[in-house]
Amino acid sequence: MESRKSLRATFLVLLYTISCKIISGFFYLTICGNFRSLLLDILFFQYSNLLLLFPGTQFSYKFRLCKTTNIWKYVCKYIFGMLVGTIVLSIGLLLITTVSKVSISYSFTPNSTVYLLVIVGFVVQSYAEEFLFRGRILAILSKNFNWYISSGIQAFTFTFVHSLNGGFTIISFFTLFFFGILMSLFSVFTKSLSFSSGFHFIWNSIPCIALGMNVSGVKVPFSLLSTNLTGQDLYTGGVFGIEGSILVLCVVFILTVALLQRACREKLGHKGN
């Protein structure tokens, strides 16, 4: 019975999320339909996540899914997550360049306002996804399920949401699935969402804003550099971007397995943890 309640609560969280996206999307198309652009679409996609954060925060405090956070500790963990994310992402990108022909050109557009809006948008988006999947869904499921089962369910829902983007492949599925588990491990070991949010922010922002590459099937119209990869989609990731590369999948998988081994040693798999 309690397990059913957890699954039902998870479903309601997802239903609320999808409803927010659909309703806000309807108003966006109604108001901005005549002068839409790729930039406006991306900014809407990013900032519409605020609709998930404001009421979601109250929901989490009501059901004791999160606690008061020390801002300084949060910032420190966030920055550390950014550093680790940069290292892991760099390893994946370097592996891709070893088997692909890389062409990089300067494409900076002097519009600081646009860059600032997109960067802040990535901060909002990455935290919203961590809050939704690791802060809410994982926390709800972990009250009644084995931690590994809970993590697997939230990782699957995380992957399903991203599968709606263009260019999704079976490699993208496994990369995002293990990425979801990796983020949940980060949240458990650090006892907050700050580290995983910083990691997630770097994962999305550096390829898009700095390198002009696709991430999860999305490409922003403004970037510091324009990077073109020539080679097999199996290695470059194709239209979907870096998560579609089997090399990036290997990096994420190895790191996830290493942390899962630590989780086993520390017995994180018992019910309610």
C-alpha atoms as a PDB file:
ATOM      1  CA  MET A   1       0.000   0.000   0.000  1.00  0.00           C
ATOM      2  CA  GLU A   2       2.755   2.448   0.946  1.00  0.00           C
ATOM      3  CA  SER A   3       4.636   1.566  -2.242  1.00  0.00           C
ATOM      4  CA  ARG A   4       1.549   2.389  -4.283  1.00  0.00           C
ATOM      5  CA  LYS A   5       1.302   5.754  -2.532  1.00  0.00           C
ATOM      6  CA  SER A   6       4.884   6.539  -3.477  1.00  0.00           C
ATOM      7  CA  LEU A   7       4.286   5.594  -7.103  1.00  0.00           C
ATOM      8  CA  ARG A   8       1.090   7.620  -7.148  1.00  0.00           C
ATOM      9  CA  ALA A   9       2.885  10.633  -5.660  1.00  0.00           C
ATOM     10  CA  THR A  10       5.616  10.273  -8.282  1.00  0.00           C
ATOM     11  CA  PHE A  11       3.003  10.161 -11.020  1.00  0.00           C
ATOM     12  CA  LEU A  12       1.335  13.298  -9.653  1.00  0.00           C
ATOM     13  CA  VAL A  13       4.674  15.133  -9.599  1.00  0.00           C
ATOM     14  CA  LEU A  14       5.269  14.217 -13.250  1.00  0.00           C
ATOM     15  CA  LEU A  15       1.690  15.112 -14.148  1.00  0.00           C
ATOM     16  CA  TYR A  16       2.096  18.511 -12.511  1.00  0.00           C
ATOM     17  CA  THR A  17       5.376  19.041 -14.375  1.00  0.00           C
ATOM     18  CA  ILE A  18       3.922  18.104 -17.756  1.00  0.00           C
ATOM     19  CA  SER A  19       0.830  20.236 -17.117  1.00  0.00           C
ATOM     20  CA  CYS A  20       2.995  23.267 -16.315  1.00  0.00           C
ATOM     21  CA  LYS A  21       4.967  22.790 -19.514  1.00  0.00           C
ATOM     22  CA  ILE A  22       1.864  22.357 -21.670  1.00  0.00           C
ATOM     23  CA  ILE A  23      -0.062  25.282 -20.190  1.00  0.00           C
ATOM     24  CA  SER A  24       2.935  27.649 -20.218  1.00  0.00           C
ATOM     25  CA  GLY A  25       3.747  26.501 -23.761  1.00  0.00           C
ATOM     26  CA  PHE A  26       0.201  27.301 -24.863  1.00  0.00           C
ATOM     27  CA  PHE A  27       0.434  30.834 -23.493  1.00  0.00           C
ATOM     28  CA  TYR A  28       3.895  31.254 -25.010  1.00  0.00           C
ATOM     29  CA  LEU A  29       2.682  30.248 -28.474  1.00  0.00           C
ATOM     30  CA  THR A  30      -0.406  32.420 -28.112  1.00  0.00           C
ATOM     31  CA  ILE A  31       1.529  35.523 -27.090  1.00  0.00           C
ATOM     32  CA  CYS A  32       4.769  35.067 -29.032  1.00  0.00           C
ATOM     33  CA  GLY A  33       3.580  32.930 -31.937  1.00  0.00           C
ATOM     34  CA  ASN A  34       4.024  35.669 -34.539  1.00  0.00           C
ATOM     35  CA  PHE A  35       7.608  36.547 -33.620  1.00  0.00           C
ATOM     36  CA  ARG A  36       9.103  33.305 -32.329  1.00  0.00           C
ATOM     37  CA  SER A  37      12.783  32.558 -32.765  1.00  0.00           C
ATOM     38  CA  LEU A  38      15.143  29.775 -31.729  1.00  0.00           C
ATOM     39  CA  LEU A  39      16.539  31.994 -28.978  1.00  0.00           C
ATOM     40  CA  LEU A  40      13.075  32.772 -27.583  1.00  0.00           C
ATOM     41  CA  ASP A  41      12.163  29.078 -27.695  1.00  0.00           C
ATOM     42  CA  ILE A  42      15.285  28.156 -25.704  1.00  0.00           C
ATOM     43  CA  LEU A  43      14.793  30.936 -23.153  1.00  0.00           C
ATOM     44  CA  PHE A  44      11.159  29.905 -22.683  1.00  0.00           C
ATOM     45  CA  PHE A  45      12.191  26.273 -22.235  1.00  0.00           C
ATOM     46  CA  GLN A  46      14.766  27.276 -19.620  1.00  0.00           C
ATOM     47  CA  TYR A  47      12.821  29.834 -17.593  1.00  0.00           C
ATOM     48  CA  SER A  48       9.513  27.961 -17.636  1.00  0.00           C
ATOM     49  CA  ASN A  49      11.226  25.649 -15.135  1.00  0.00           C
ATOM     50  CA  LEU A  50      10.666  28.370 -12.527  1.00  0.00           C
ATOM     51  CA  LEU A  51       7.046  27.208 -12.472  1.00  0.00           C
ATOM     52  CA  LEU A  52       8.308  23.888 -11.111  1.00  0.00           C
ATOM     53  CA  LEU A  53      10.541  25.408  -8.459  1.00  0.00           C
ATOM     54  CA  PHE A  54       8.303  27.859  -6.618  1.00  0.00           C
ATOM     55  CA  PRO A  55       5.342  25.592  -5.730  1.00  0.00           C
ATOM     56  CA  GLY A  56       7.644  22.573  -5.683  1.00  0.00           C
ATOM     57  CA  THR A  57       9.730  24.062  -2.894  1.00  0.00           C
ATOM     58  CA  GLN A  58       6.667  24.453  -0.699  1.00  0.00           C
ATOM     59  CA  PHE A  59       5.649  20.878  -1.535  1.00  0.00           C
ATOM     60  CA  SER A  60       9.052  19.548  -0.475  1.00  0.00           C
ATOM     61  CA  TYR A  61       9.123  21.407   2.829  1.00  0.00           C
ATOM     62  CA  LYS A  62       5.566  20.281   3.603  1.00  0.00           C
ATOM     63  CA  PHE A  63       6.442  16.625   3.131  1.00  0.00           C
ATOM     64  CA  ARG A  64       9.949  17.028   4.632  1.00  0.00           C
ATOM     65  CA  LEU A  65      11.759  16.198   1.413  1.00  0.00           C
ATOM     66  CA  CYS A  66      14.397  18.866   1.972  1.00  0.00           C
ATOM     67  CA  LYS A  67      15.862  20.872   4.809  1.00  0.00           C
ATOM     68  CA  THR A  68      17.056  24.419   5.332  1.00  0.00           C
ATOM     69  CA  THR A  69      20.292  24.940   3.415  1.00  0.00           C
ATOM     70  CA  ASN A  70      23.391  26.836   4.485  1.00  0.00           C
ATOM     71  CA  ILE A  71      23.962  29.172   1.515  1.00  0.00           C
ATOM     72  CA  TRP A  72      27.749  29.266   1.854  1.00  0.00           C
ATOM     73  CA  LYS A  73      28.014  25.473   1.941  1.00  0.00           C
ATOM     74  CA  TYR A  74      25.628  25.259  -0.990  1.00  0.00           C
ATOM     75  CA  VAL A  75      27.751  27.641  -3.083  1.00  0.00           C
ATOM     76  CA  CYS A  76      30.964  25.782  -2.216  1.00  0.00           C
ATOM     77  CA  LYS A  77      29.466  22.425  -3.180  1.00  0.00           C
ATOM     78  CA  TYR A  78      28.016  23.955  -6.346  1.00  0.00           C
ATOM     79  CA  ILE A  79      31.416  25.287  -7.420  1.00  0.00           C
ATOM     80  CA  PHE A  80      33.062  21.959  -6.586  1.00  0.00           C
ATOM     81  CA  GLY A  81      30.416  20.220  -8.689  1.00  0.00           C
ATOM     82  CA  MET A  82      31.253  22.582 -11.546  1.00  0.00           C
ATOM     83  CA  LEU A  83      34.947  21.702 -11.264  1.00  0.00           C
ATOM     84  CA  VAL A  84      34.313  17.955 -11.255  1.00  0.00           C
ATOM     85  CA  GLY A  85      31.815  18.343 -14.089  1.00  0.00           C
ATOM     86  CA  THR A  86      34.407  20.223 -16.136  1.00  0.00           C
ATOM     87  CA  ILE A  87      36.947  17.426 -15.634  1.00  0.00           C
ATOM     88  CA  VAL A  88      34.533  14.620 -16.516  1.00  0.00           C
ATOM     89  CA  LEU A  89      33.145  16.509 -19.520  1.00  0.00           C
ATOM     90  CA  SER A  90      36.662  17.314 -20.742  1.00  0.00           C
ATOM     91  CA  ILE A  91      37.612  13.631 -20.661  1.00  0.00           C
ATOM     92  CA  GLY A  92      34.565  12.762 -22.757  1.00  0.00           C
ATOM     93  CA  LEU A  93      35.208  15.544 -25.267  1.00  0.00           C
ATOM     94  CA  LEU A  94      38.898  14.658 -25.564  1.00  0.00           C
ATOM     95  CA  LEU A  95      37.989  11.051 -26.330  1.00  0.00           C
ATOM     96  CA  ILE A  96      35.625  12.239 -29.064  1.00  0.00           C
ATOM     97  CA  THR A  97      38.332  14.405 -30.652  1.00  0.00           C
ATOM     98  CA  THR A  98      40.719  11.436 -30.848  1.00  0.00           C
ATOM     99  CA  VAL A  99      38.437   9.583 -33.273  1.00  0.00           C
ATOM    100  CA  SER A 100      36.829  12.530 -35.076  1.00  0.00           C
ATOM    101  CA  LYS A 101      37.910  15.378 -37.294  1.00  0.00           C
ATOM    102  CA  VAL A 102      37.359  18.610 -35.368  1.00  0.00           C
ATOM    103  CA  SER A 103      36.814  22.028 -36.900  1.00  0.00           C
ATOM    104  CA  ILE A 104      36.600  25.010 -34.535  1.00  0.00           C
ATOM    105  CA  SER A 105      35.849  28.583 -35.574  1.00  0.00           C
ATOM    106  CA  TYR A 106      35.290  31.821 -33.692  1.00  0.00           C
ATOM    107  CA  SER A 107      31.577  32.734 -33.593  1.00  0.00           C
ATOM    108  CA  PHE A 108      31.239  35.152 -30.689  1.00  0.00           C
ATOM    109  CA  THR A 109      28.440  37.688 -31.028  1.00  0.00           C
ATOM    110  CA  PRO A 110      28.934  40.840 -28.903  1.00  0.00           C
ATOM    111  CA  ASN A 111      25.644  40.668 -27.034  1.00  0.00           C
ATOM    112  CA  SER A 112      26.341  40.238 -23.325  1.00  0.00           C
ATOM    113  CA  THR A 113      22.646  40.386 -22.404  1.00  0.00           C
ATOM    114  CA  VAL A 114      21.810  37.348 -24.503  1.00  0.00           C
ATOM    115  CA  TYR A 115      24.719  35.330 -23.112  1.00  0.00           C
ATOM    116  CA  LEU A 116      23.782  36.271 -19.551  1.00  0.00           C
ATOM    117  CA  LEU A 117      20.141  35.269 -20.089  1.00  0.00           C
ATOM    118  CA  VAL A 118      21.146  31.900 -21.561  1.00  0.00           C
ATOM    119  CA  ILE A 119      23.724  31.190 -18.826  1.00  0.00           C
ATOM    120  CA  VAL A 120      21.255  32.030 -16.043  1.00  0.00           C
ATOM    121  CA  GLY A 121      18.700  29.955 -17.931  1.00  0.00           C
ATOM    122  CA  PHE A 122      21.028  26.950 -17.785  1.00  0.00           C
ATOM    123  CA  VAL A 123      21.440  27.510 -14.039  1.00  0.00           C
ATOM    124  CA  VAL A 124      17.652  27.483 -13.642  1.00  0.00           C
ATOM    125  CA  GLN A 125      17.183  24.479 -15.916  1.00  0.00           C
ATOM    126  CA  SER A 126      19.880  22.318 -14.325  1.00  0.00           C
ATOM    127  CA  TYR A 127      18.701  23.035 -10.785  1.00  0.00           C
ATOM    128  CA  ALA A 128      15.053  22.489 -11.742  1.00  0.00           C
ATOM    129  CA  GLU A 129      15.861  19.064 -13.165  1.00  0.00           C
ATOM    130  CA  GLU A 130      17.906  18.103 -10.113  1.00  0.00           C
ATOM    131  CA  PHE A 131      15.143  19.388  -7.841  1.00  0.00           C
ATOM    132  CA  LEU A 132      12.442  17.489  -9.727  1.00  0.00           C
ATOM    133  CA  PHE A 133      14.150  14.137 -10.271  1.00  0.00           C
ATOM    134  CA  ARG A 134      16.638  13.871  -7.407  1.00  0.00           C
ATOM    135  CA  GLY A 135      15.068  16.239  -4.883  1.00  0.00           C
ATOM    136  CA  ARG A 136      11.448  15.159  -5.226  1.00  0.00           C
ATOM    137  CA  ILE A 137      10.915  11.927  -7.163  1.00  0.00           C
ATOM    138  CA  LEU A 138      13.917  10.110  -5.676  1.00  0.00           C
ATOM    139  CA  ALA A 139      13.036  11.340  -2.170  1.00  0.00           C
ATOM    140  CA  ILE A 140       9.410  10.222  -2.495  1.00  0.00           C
ATOM    141  CA  LEU A 141      10.310   6.770  -3.809  1.00  0.00           C
ATOM    142  CA  SER A 142      13.100   6.234  -1.273  1.00  0.00           C
ATOM    143  CA  LYS A 143      10.607   6.408   1.589  1.00  0.00           C
ATOM    144  CA  ASN A 144       9.176   3.030   0.589  1.00  0.00           C
ATOM    145  CA  PHE A 145      11.511   1.456  -1.959  1.00  0.00           C
ATOM    146  CA  ASN A 146      15.065   0.152  -1.965  1.00  0.00           C
ATOM    147  CA  TRP A 147      17.366   3.063  -2.848  1.00  0.00           C
ATOM    148  CA  TYR A 148      18.631   1.354  -6.004  1.00  0.00           C
ATOM    149  CA  ILE A 149      15.091   0.746  -7.267  1.00  0.00           C
ATOM    150  CA  SER A 150      14.163   4.349  -6.469  1.00  0.00           C
ATOM    151  CA  SER A 151      17.228   5.652  -8.272  1.00  0.00           C
ATOM    152  CA  GLY A 152      16.504   3.455 -11.282  1.00  0.00           C
ATOM    153  CA  ILE A 153      12.908   4.684 -11.542  1.00  0.00           C
ATOM    154  CA  GLN A 154      13.868   8.361 -11.334  1.00  0.00           C
ATOM    155  CA  ALA A 155      16.683   7.811 -13.863  1.00  0.00           C
ATOM    156  CA  PHE A 156      14.211   6.194 -16.247  1.00  0.00           C
ATOM    157  CA  THR A 157      11.769   9.110 -15.939  1.00  0.00           C
ATOM    158  CA  PHE A 158      14.674  11.533 -16.440  1.00  0.00           C
ATOM    159  CA  THR A 159      15.664   9.667 -19.596  1.00  0.00           C
ATOM    160  CA  PHE A 160      12.093   9.486 -20.873  1.00  0.00           C
ATOM    161  CA  VAL A 161      11.646  13.260 -20.605  1.00  0.00           C
ATOM    162  CA  HIS A 162      14.829  13.850 -22.623  1.00  0.00           C
ATOM    163  CA  SER A 163      13.873  11.209 -25.194  1.00  0.00           C
ATOM    164  CA  LEU A 164      11.294  13.658 -26.560  1.00  0.00           C
ATOM    165  CA  ASN A 165      14.151  15.736 -28.039  1.00  0.00           C
ATOM    166  CA  GLY A 166      15.329  15.194 -31.597  1.00  0.00           C
ATOM    167  CA  GLY A 167      18.010  12.663 -32.539  1.00  0.00           C
ATOM    168  CA  PHE A 168      17.466  10.360 -29.543  1.00  0.00           C
ATOM    169  CA  THR A 169      19.206   6.976 -29.875  1.00  0.00           C
ATOM    170  CA  ILE A 170      19.724   3.832 -27.826  1.00  0.00           C
ATOM    171  CA  ILE A 171      23.153   5.139 -26.789  1.00  0.00           C
ATOM    172  CA  SER A 172      21.531   8.393 -25.668  1.00  0.00           C
ATOM    173  CA  PHE A 173      19.113   6.324 -23.597  1.00  0.00           C
ATOM    174  CA  PHE A 174      21.842   4.542 -21.669  1.00  0.00           C
ATOM    175  CA  THR A 175      23.986   7.674 -21.295  1.00  0.00           C
ATOM    176  CA  LEU A 176      21.103   9.662 -19.812  1.00  0.00           C
ATOM    177  CA  PHE A 177      19.984   6.723 -17.679  1.00  0.00           C
ATOM    178  CA  PHE A 178      23.413   6.339 -16.072  1.00  0.00           C
ATOM    179  CA  PHE A 179      23.722  10.119 -15.865  1.00  0.00           C
ATOM    180  CA  GLY A 180      20.484  10.149 -13.839  1.00  0.00           C
ATOM    181  CA  ILE A 181      21.847   7.505 -11.485  1.00  0.00           C
ATOM    182  CA  LEU A 182      25.150   9.371 -11.235  1.00  0.00           C
ATOM    183  CA  MET A 183      23.367  12.571 -10.211  1.00  0.00           C
ATOM    184  CA  SER A 184      21.365  10.685  -7.590  1.00  0.00           C
ATOM    185  CA  LEU A 185      24.601   9.253  -6.171  1.00  0.00           C
ATOM    186  CA  PHE A 186      26.056  12.751  -5.993  1.00  0.00           C
ATOM    187  CA  SER A 187      22.976  13.993  -4.128  1.00  0.00           C
ATOM    188  CA  VAL A 188      23.188  11.149  -1.628  1.00  0.00           C
ATOM    189  CA  PHE A 189      26.925  11.387  -0.956  1.00  0.00           C
ATOM    190  CA  THR A 190      26.880  15.196  -0.633  1.00  0.00           C
ATOM    191  CA  LYS A 191      23.479  15.250   1.147  1.00  0.00           C
ATOM    192  CA  SER A 192      22.267  18.098  -1.069  1.00  0.00           C
ATOM    193  CA  LEU A 193      21.444  18.995  -4.653  1.00  0.00           C
ATOM    194  CA  SER A 194      24.168  21.638  -4.906  1.00  0.00           C
ATOM    195  CA  PHE A 195      26.993  19.414  -6.188  1.00  0.00           C
ATOM    196  CA  SER A 196      24.847  17.643  -8.777  1.00  0.00           C
ATOM    197  CA  SER A 197      23.319  20.966  -9.878  1.00  0.00           C
ATOM    198  CA  GLY A 198      26.779  22.443 -10.475  1.00  0.00           C
ATOM    199  CA  PHE A 199      27.871  19.322 -12.364  1.00  0.00           C
ATOM    200  CA  HIS A 200      24.668  19.349 -14.418  1.00  0.00           C
ATOM    201  CA  PHE A 201      25.054  23.067 -15.222  1.00  0.00           C
ATOM    202  CA  ILE A 202      28.556  22.545 -16.631  1.00  0.00           C
ATOM    203  CA  TRP A 203      27.417  19.488 -18.576  1.00  0.00           C
ATOM    204  CA  ASN A 204      24.768  21.570 -20.366  1.00  0.00           C
ATOM    205  CA  SER A 205      26.427  24.962 -20.638  1.00  0.00           C
ATOM    206  CA  ILE A 206      30.015  24.369 -21.768  1.00  0.00           C
ATOM    207  CA  PRO A 207      29.171  22.349 -24.907  1.00  0.00           C
ATOM    208  CA  CYS A 208      26.327  24.727 -25.834  1.00  0.00           C
ATOM    209  CA  ILE A 209      27.583  28.198 -24.910  1.00  0.00           C
ATOM    210  CA  ALA A 210      31.349  27.756 -25.119  1.00  0.00           C
ATOM    211  CA  LEU A 211      31.712  25.214 -27.930  1.00  0.00           C
ATOM    212  CA  GLY A 212      28.492  25.571 -29.939  1.00  0.00           C
ATOM    213  CA  MET A 213      27.704  21.834 -29.734  1.00  0.00           C
ATOM    214  CA  ASN A 214      24.424  20.009 -29.297  1.00  0.00           C
ATOM    215  CA  VAL A 215      23.394  18.737 -25.866  1.00  0.00           C
ATOM    216  CA  SER A 216      20.337  16.477 -25.486  1.00  0.00           C
ATOM    217  CA  GLY A 217      19.261  17.408 -29.011  1.00  0.00           C
ATOM    218  CA  VAL A 218      19.377  21.152 -28.276  1.00  0.00           C
ATOM    219  CA  LYS A 219      21.659  23.759 -29.837  1.00  0.00           C
ATOM    220  CA  VAL A 220      21.705  27.418 -28.764  1.00  0.00           C
ATOM    221  CA  PRO A 221      21.986  30.091 -31.516  1.00  0.00           C
ATOM    222  CA  PHE A 222      24.766  31.988 -29.691  1.00  0.00           C
ATOM    223  CA  SER A 223      28.124  30.542 -28.647  1.00  0.00           C
ATOM    224  CA  LEU A 224      31.733  31.634 -28.175  1.00  0.00           C
ATOM    225  CA  LEU A 225      33.007  29.010 -30.626  1.00  0.00           C
ATOM    226  CA  SER A 226      31.469  26.901 -33.351  1.00  0.00           C
ATOM    227  CA  THR A 227      32.587  23.276 -33.239  1.00  0.00           C
ATOM    228  CA  ASN A 228      31.966  20.813 -36.054  1.00  0.00           C
ATOM    229  CA  LEU A 229      32.707  17.130 -35.569  1.00  0.00           C
ATOM    230  CA  THR A 230      33.191  14.928 -38.626  1.00  0.00           C
ATOM    231  CA  GLY A 231      33.008  11.199 -38.045  1.00  0.00           C
ATOM    232  CA  GLN A 232      30.660   8.375 -37.192  1.00  0.00           C
ATOM    233  CA  ASP A 233      27.622   9.342 -35.118  1.00  0.00           C
ATOM    234  CA  LEU A 234      28.519   6.435 -32.857  1.00  0.00           C
ATOM    235  CA  TYR A 235      31.511   8.463 -31.663  1.00  0.00           C
ATOM    236  CA  THR A 236      30.457  12.092 -32.228  1.00  0.00           C
ATOM    237  CA  GLY A 237      26.936  11.702 -30.860  1.00  0.00           C
ATOM    238  CA  GLY A 238      25.255  12.900 -34.025  1.00  0.00           C
ATOM    239  CA  VAL A 239      22.297  15.280 -33.870  1.00  0.00           C
ATOM    240  CA  PHE A 240      21.527  14.510 -30.232  1.00  0.00           C
ATOM    241  CA  GLY A 241      24.932  15.719 -29.101  1.00  0.00           C
ATOM    242  CA  ILE A 242      27.503  14.433 -26.642  1.00  0.00           C
ATOM    243  CA  GLU A 243      25.108  12.047 -24.856  1.00  0.00           C
ATOM    244  CA  GLY A 244      24.749  10.166 -28.141  1.00  0.00           C
ATOM    245  CA  SER A 245      28.457   9.262 -28.167  1.00  0.00           C
ATOM    246  CA  ILE A 246      29.441   5.801 -26.996  1.00  0.00           C
ATOM    247  CA  LEU A 247      32.680   7.305 -25.684  1.00  0.00           C
ATOM    248  CA  VAL A 248      30.799   9.673 -23.376  1.00  0.00           C
ATOM    249  CA  LEU A 249      28.576   6.752 -22.378  1.00  0.00           C
ATOM    250  CA  CYS A 250      31.682   4.823 -21.298  1.00  0.00           C
ATOM    251  CA  VAL A 251      32.927   7.755 -19.198  1.00  0.00           C
ATOM    252  CA  VAL A 252      29.562   8.197 -17.447  1.00  0.00           C
ATOM    253  CA  PHE A 253      29.152   4.435 -16.975  1.00  0.00           C
ATOM    254  CA  ILE A 254      32.612   3.951 -15.425  1.00  0.00           C
ATOM    255  CA  LEU A 255      32.115   6.846 -13.002  1.00  0.00           C
ATOM    256  CA  THR A 256      28.638   5.596 -12.078  1.00  0.00           C
ATOM    257  CA  VAL A 257      29.862   2.062 -11.420  1.00  0.00           C
ATOM    258  CA  ALA A 258      32.726   3.372  -9.278  1.00  0.00           C
ATOM    259  CA  LEU A 259      30.308   5.362  -7.108  1.00  0.00           C
ATOM    260  CA  LEU A 260      27.843   2.459  -6.978  1.00  0.00           C
ATOM    261  CA  GLN A 261      30.612   0.278  -5.552  1.00  0.00           C
ATOM    262  CA  ARG A 262      31.161   2.866  -2.853  1.00  0.00           C
ATOM    263  CA  ALA A 263      27.404   2.972  -2.262  1.00  0.00           C
ATOM    264  CA  CYS A 264      27.395  -0.795  -1.770  1.00  0.00           C
ATOM    265  CA  ARG A 265      30.217  -0.571   0.755  1.00  0.00           C
ATOM    266  CA  GLU A 266      28.351   2.113   2.674  1.00  0.00           C
ATOM    267  CA  LYS A 267      25.063   0.177   2.424  1.00  0.00           C
ATOM    268  CA  LEU A 268      22.995   2.903   0.777  1.00  0.00           C
ATOM    269  CA  GLY A 269      20.623   0.371  -0.689  1.00  0.00           C
ATOM    270  CA  HIS A 270      18.530  -0.278   2.400  1.00  0.00           C
ATOM    271  CA  LYS A 271      14.924   0.861   2.446  1.00  0.00           C
ATOM    272  CA  GLY A 272      14.286   4.487   3.208  1.00  0.00           C
ATOM    273  CA  ASN A 273      17.811   5.764   2.591  1.00  0.00           C
END
